[in-house]
Amino acid sequence: MQQDATSQKRRKAATTDILLSLSEDLKKRMVATLEHTRPRTGITSQQQFIRTAIDLLCERLEGEFNNGEAFPPPVESVNL
């Protein structure tokens, strides 16, 4: 029983895959930034860098436009 609890703690949150295309310049900028700031930020991968950037921008926009609360899911008729 103890092993099951430990296994569940290690499981990551549910995820979904997205396709992301970047300009070559933006990709080079991200890689350079990641490499030069890794010791200070603890961000060790491009995926972690992108997830952190998304999280920070969402927090900023939620704070700016929705009293710091997460926006509700869009209505079904909105195509993203």
N, C-alpha and C. Protein backbone atom coordinates (compact mmCIF):
# COMPACT_ATOMS: atom_id res chain seq x y z
N MET A 1 0.82 -1.19 0.00
CA MET A 1 0.00 0.00 0.00
C MET A 1 0.86 1.26 0.00
N GLN A 2 1.95 1.27 0.76
CA GLN A 2 2.85 2.41 0.80
C GLN A 2 3.43 2.71 -0.57
N GLN A 3 3.75 1.71 -1.34
CA GLN A 3 4.33 1.90 -2.66
C GLN A 3 3.33 2.58 -3.60
N ASP A 4 2.05 2.23 -3.50
CA ASP A 4 1.04 2.86 -4.33
C ASP A 4 0.95 4.36 -4.06
N ALA A 5 0.99 4.76 -2.80
CA ALA A 5 0.93 6.18 -2.45
C ALA A 5 2.15 6.91 -2.99
N THR A 6 3.32 6.29 -2.89
CA THR A 6 4.54 6.91 -3.40
C THR A 6 4.48 7.05 -4.91
N SER A 7 3.99 6.03 -5.59
CA SER A 7 3.87 6.08 -7.05
C SER A 7 2.95 7.21 -7.48
N GLN A 8 1.86 7.39 -6.78
CA GLN A 8 0.93 8.44 -7.15
C GLN A 8 1.52 9.82 -6.94
N LYS A 9 2.36 10.00 -5.93
CA LYS A 9 2.99 11.29 -5.70
C LYS A 9 3.93 11.65 -6.85
N ARG A 10 4.55 10.66 -7.47
CA ARG A 10 5.50 10.90 -8.54
C ARG A 10 4.82 11.18 -9.87
N ARG A 11 3.56 10.81 -10.00
CA ARG A 11 2.87 11.01 -11.27
C ARG A 11 2.71 12.49 -11.55
N LYS A 12 2.90 12.82 -12.81
CA LYS A 12 2.74 14.21 -13.21
C LYS A 12 1.26 14.53 -13.39
N ALA A 13 0.95 15.81 -13.42
CA ALA A 13 -0.42 16.23 -13.70
C ALA A 13 -0.79 15.79 -15.11
N ALA A 14 -2.07 15.68 -15.35
CA ALA A 14 -2.53 15.32 -16.69
C ALA A 14 -1.97 16.33 -17.69
N THR A 15 -1.55 15.83 -18.85
CA THR A 15 -0.97 16.71 -19.85
C THR A 15 -1.67 16.52 -21.19
N THR A 16 -1.44 17.46 -22.06
CA THR A 16 -1.92 17.37 -23.43
C THR A 16 -0.82 17.88 -24.34
N ASP A 17 -0.68 17.28 -25.49
CA ASP A 17 0.35 17.69 -26.44
C ASP A 17 -0.17 18.81 -27.32
N ILE A 18 0.73 19.74 -27.64
CA ILE A 18 0.40 20.79 -28.59
C ILE A 18 1.52 20.87 -29.62
N LEU A 19 1.18 21.35 -30.78
CA LEU A 19 2.18 21.57 -31.82
C LEU A 19 2.58 23.03 -31.74
N LEU A 20 3.87 23.29 -31.67
CA LEU A 20 4.36 24.65 -31.52
C LEU A 20 5.42 24.92 -32.57
N SER A 21 5.19 25.88 -33.41
CA SER A 21 6.19 26.30 -34.39
C SER A 21 6.73 27.66 -33.97
N LEU A 22 8.04 27.81 -34.04
CA LEU A 22 8.70 29.07 -33.69
C LEU A 22 9.56 29.51 -34.85
N SER A 23 9.73 30.81 -34.97
CA SER A 23 10.69 31.30 -35.95
C SER A 23 12.09 30.85 -35.49
N GLU A 24 12.99 30.71 -36.42
CA GLU A 24 14.36 30.30 -36.05
C GLU A 24 14.99 31.29 -35.08
N ASP A 25 14.74 32.59 -35.30
CA ASP A 25 15.31 33.60 -34.41
C ASP A 25 14.78 33.46 -32.99
N LEU A 26 13.48 33.22 -32.84
CA LEU A 26 12.90 33.07 -31.51
C LEU A 26 13.42 31.81 -30.83
N LYS A 27 13.58 30.74 -31.59
CA LYS A 27 14.12 29.49 -31.04
C LYS A 27 15.56 29.71 -30.56
N LYS A 28 16.38 30.38 -31.37
CA LYS A 28 17.77 30.66 -30.98
C LYS A 28 17.80 31.55 -29.73
N ARG A 29 16.90 32.51 -29.68
CA ARG A 29 16.84 33.41 -28.52
C ARG A 29 16.48 32.62 -27.26
N MET A 30 15.51 31.71 -27.38
CA MET A 30 15.11 30.89 -26.24
C MET A 30 16.27 30.02 -25.77
N VAL A 31 16.95 29.36 -26.70
CA VAL A 31 18.06 28.47 -26.34
C VAL A 31 19.18 29.26 -25.66
N ALA A 32 19.51 30.41 -26.20
CA ALA A 32 20.57 31.24 -25.61
C ALA A 32 20.17 31.69 -24.20
N THR A 33 18.93 32.14 -24.06
CA THR A 33 18.45 32.59 -22.75
C THR A 33 18.47 31.44 -21.76
N LEU A 34 17.99 30.29 -22.17
CA LEU A 34 17.97 29.11 -21.31
C LEU A 34 19.37 28.75 -20.85
N GLU A 35 20.31 28.70 -21.77
CA GLU A 35 21.68 28.30 -21.42
C GLU A 35 22.36 29.30 -20.49
N HIS A 36 22.13 30.59 -20.70
CA HIS A 36 22.79 31.61 -19.88
C HIS A 36 22.15 31.79 -18.52
N THR A 37 20.90 31.38 -18.36
CA THR A 37 20.21 31.61 -17.08
C THR A 37 19.95 30.34 -16.29
N ARG A 38 20.26 29.20 -16.85
CA ARG A 38 19.98 27.90 -16.19
C ARG A 38 20.43 27.87 -14.72
N PRO A 39 21.66 28.29 -14.38
CA PRO A 39 22.09 28.22 -12.97
C PRO A 39 21.26 29.12 -12.05
N ARG A 40 20.72 30.19 -12.58
CA ARG A 40 19.97 31.14 -11.76
C ARG A 40 18.49 30.80 -11.67
N THR A 41 17.94 30.17 -12.70
CA THR A 41 16.50 29.90 -12.74
C THR A 41 16.14 28.48 -12.39
N GLY A 42 17.05 27.55 -12.60
CA GLY A 42 16.74 26.15 -12.39
C GLY A 42 15.95 25.54 -13.54
N ILE A 43 15.69 26.33 -14.57
CA ILE A 43 14.98 25.82 -15.75
C ILE A 43 16.00 25.07 -16.58
N THR A 44 15.75 23.77 -16.80
CA THR A 44 16.77 22.92 -17.39
C THR A 44 16.41 22.37 -18.77
N SER A 45 15.23 22.67 -19.26
CA SER A 45 14.84 22.14 -20.57
C SER A 45 14.00 23.17 -21.32
N GLN A 46 13.93 22.99 -22.63
CA GLN A 46 13.11 23.88 -23.44
C GLN A 46 11.63 23.73 -23.06
N GLN A 47 11.19 22.51 -22.78
CA GLN A 47 9.80 22.31 -22.37
C GLN A 47 9.50 23.06 -21.08
N GLN A 48 10.39 22.97 -20.12
CA GLN A 48 10.19 23.66 -18.85
C GLN A 48 10.19 25.18 -19.08
N PHE A 49 11.06 25.66 -19.95
CA PHE A 49 11.13 27.08 -20.28
C PHE A 49 9.79 27.55 -20.86
N ILE A 50 9.27 26.80 -21.82
CA ILE A 50 8.01 27.16 -22.48
C ILE A 50 6.85 27.10 -21.49
N ARG A 51 6.80 26.05 -20.68
CA ARG A 51 5.72 25.94 -19.68
C ARG A 51 5.76 27.10 -18.69
N THR A 52 6.97 27.46 -18.26
CA THR A 52 7.11 28.59 -17.33
C THR A 52 6.67 29.89 -17.98
N ALA A 53 7.06 30.10 -19.23
CA ALA A 53 6.66 31.32 -19.94
C ALA A 53 5.14 31.40 -20.08
N ILE A 54 4.51 30.28 -20.41
CA ILE A 54 3.04 30.26 -20.54
C ILE A 54 2.40 30.58 -19.19
N ASP A 55 2.90 29.94 -18.13
CA ASP A 55 2.35 30.17 -16.80
C ASP A 55 2.47 31.63 -16.39
N LEU A 56 3.65 32.22 -16.61
CA LEU A 56 3.86 33.62 -16.23
C LEU A 56 2.97 34.58 -17.01
N LEU A 57 2.82 34.34 -18.32
CA LEU A 57 1.96 35.21 -19.12
C LEU A 57 0.51 35.05 -18.72
N CYS A 58 0.07 33.82 -18.47
CA CYS A 58 -1.31 33.63 -18.01
C CYS A 58 -1.56 34.36 -16.69
N GLU A 59 -0.63 34.22 -15.74
CA GLU A 59 -0.77 34.92 -14.46
C GLU A 59 -0.85 36.43 -14.67
N ARG A 60 -0.01 36.96 -15.54
CA ARG A 60 -0.02 38.40 -15.79
C ARG A 60 -1.34 38.85 -16.38
N LEU A 61 -1.82 38.14 -17.38
CA LEU A 61 -3.08 38.52 -18.04
C LEU A 61 -4.28 38.31 -17.12
N GLU A 62 -4.26 37.26 -16.32
CA GLU A 62 -5.35 37.05 -15.35
C GLU A 62 -5.37 38.18 -14.33
N GLY A 63 -4.19 38.60 -13.89
CA GLY A 63 -4.11 39.71 -12.95
C GLY A 63 -4.57 41.02 -13.55
N GLU A 64 -4.23 41.21 -14.79
CA GLU A 64 -4.56 42.46 -15.48
C GLU A 64 -6.03 42.55 -15.87
N PHE A 65 -6.61 41.42 -16.28
CA PHE A 65 -7.94 41.46 -16.87
C PHE A 65 -9.01 40.65 -16.14
N ASN A 66 -8.65 39.89 -15.10
CA ASN A 66 -9.65 39.04 -14.45
C ASN A 66 -9.44 38.95 -12.94
N ASN A 67 -9.03 40.05 -12.32
CA ASN A 67 -8.85 40.12 -10.87
C ASN A 67 -7.98 39.01 -10.32
N GLY A 68 -7.00 38.56 -11.09
CA GLY A 68 -6.07 37.54 -10.62
C GLY A 68 -6.63 36.12 -10.63
N GLU A 69 -7.82 35.95 -11.14
CA GLU A 69 -8.44 34.62 -11.20
C GLU A 69 -8.23 34.00 -12.57
N ALA A 70 -8.16 32.67 -12.61
CA ALA A 70 -8.06 31.99 -13.90
C ALA A 70 -9.33 32.25 -14.70
N PHE A 71 -9.17 32.44 -16.00
CA PHE A 71 -10.34 32.62 -16.86
C PHE A 71 -11.10 31.31 -16.96
N PRO A 72 -12.42 31.38 -17.09
CA PRO A 72 -13.18 30.15 -17.31
C PRO A 72 -12.89 29.60 -18.71
N PRO A 73 -13.15 28.33 -18.93
CA PRO A 73 -12.95 27.78 -20.28
C PRO A 73 -13.79 28.55 -21.30
N PRO A 74 -13.30 28.68 -22.52
CA PRO A 74 -14.10 29.38 -23.54
C PRO A 74 -15.35 28.58 -23.89
N VAL A 75 -16.35 29.28 -24.38
CA VAL A 75 -17.57 28.58 -24.82
C VAL A 75 -17.23 27.69 -25.99
N GLU A 76 -18.01 26.67 -26.22
CA GLU A 76 -17.69 25.68 -27.25
C GLU A 76 -17.63 26.24 -28.66
N SER A 77 -18.33 27.33 -28.90
CA SER A 77 -18.36 27.86 -30.27
C SER A 77 -17.10 28.64 -30.64
N VAL A 78 -16.22 28.88 -29.68
CA VAL A 78 -14.98 29.60 -29.95
C VAL A 78 -13.94 28.61 -30.42
N ASN A 79 -13.41 28.85 -31.61
CA ASN A 79 -12.35 28.00 -32.14
C ASN A 79 -10.99 28.60 -31.82
N LEU A 80 -10.17 27.82 -31.14
CA LEU A 80 -8.83 28.32 -30.79
C LEU A 80 -7.83 27.76 -31.72
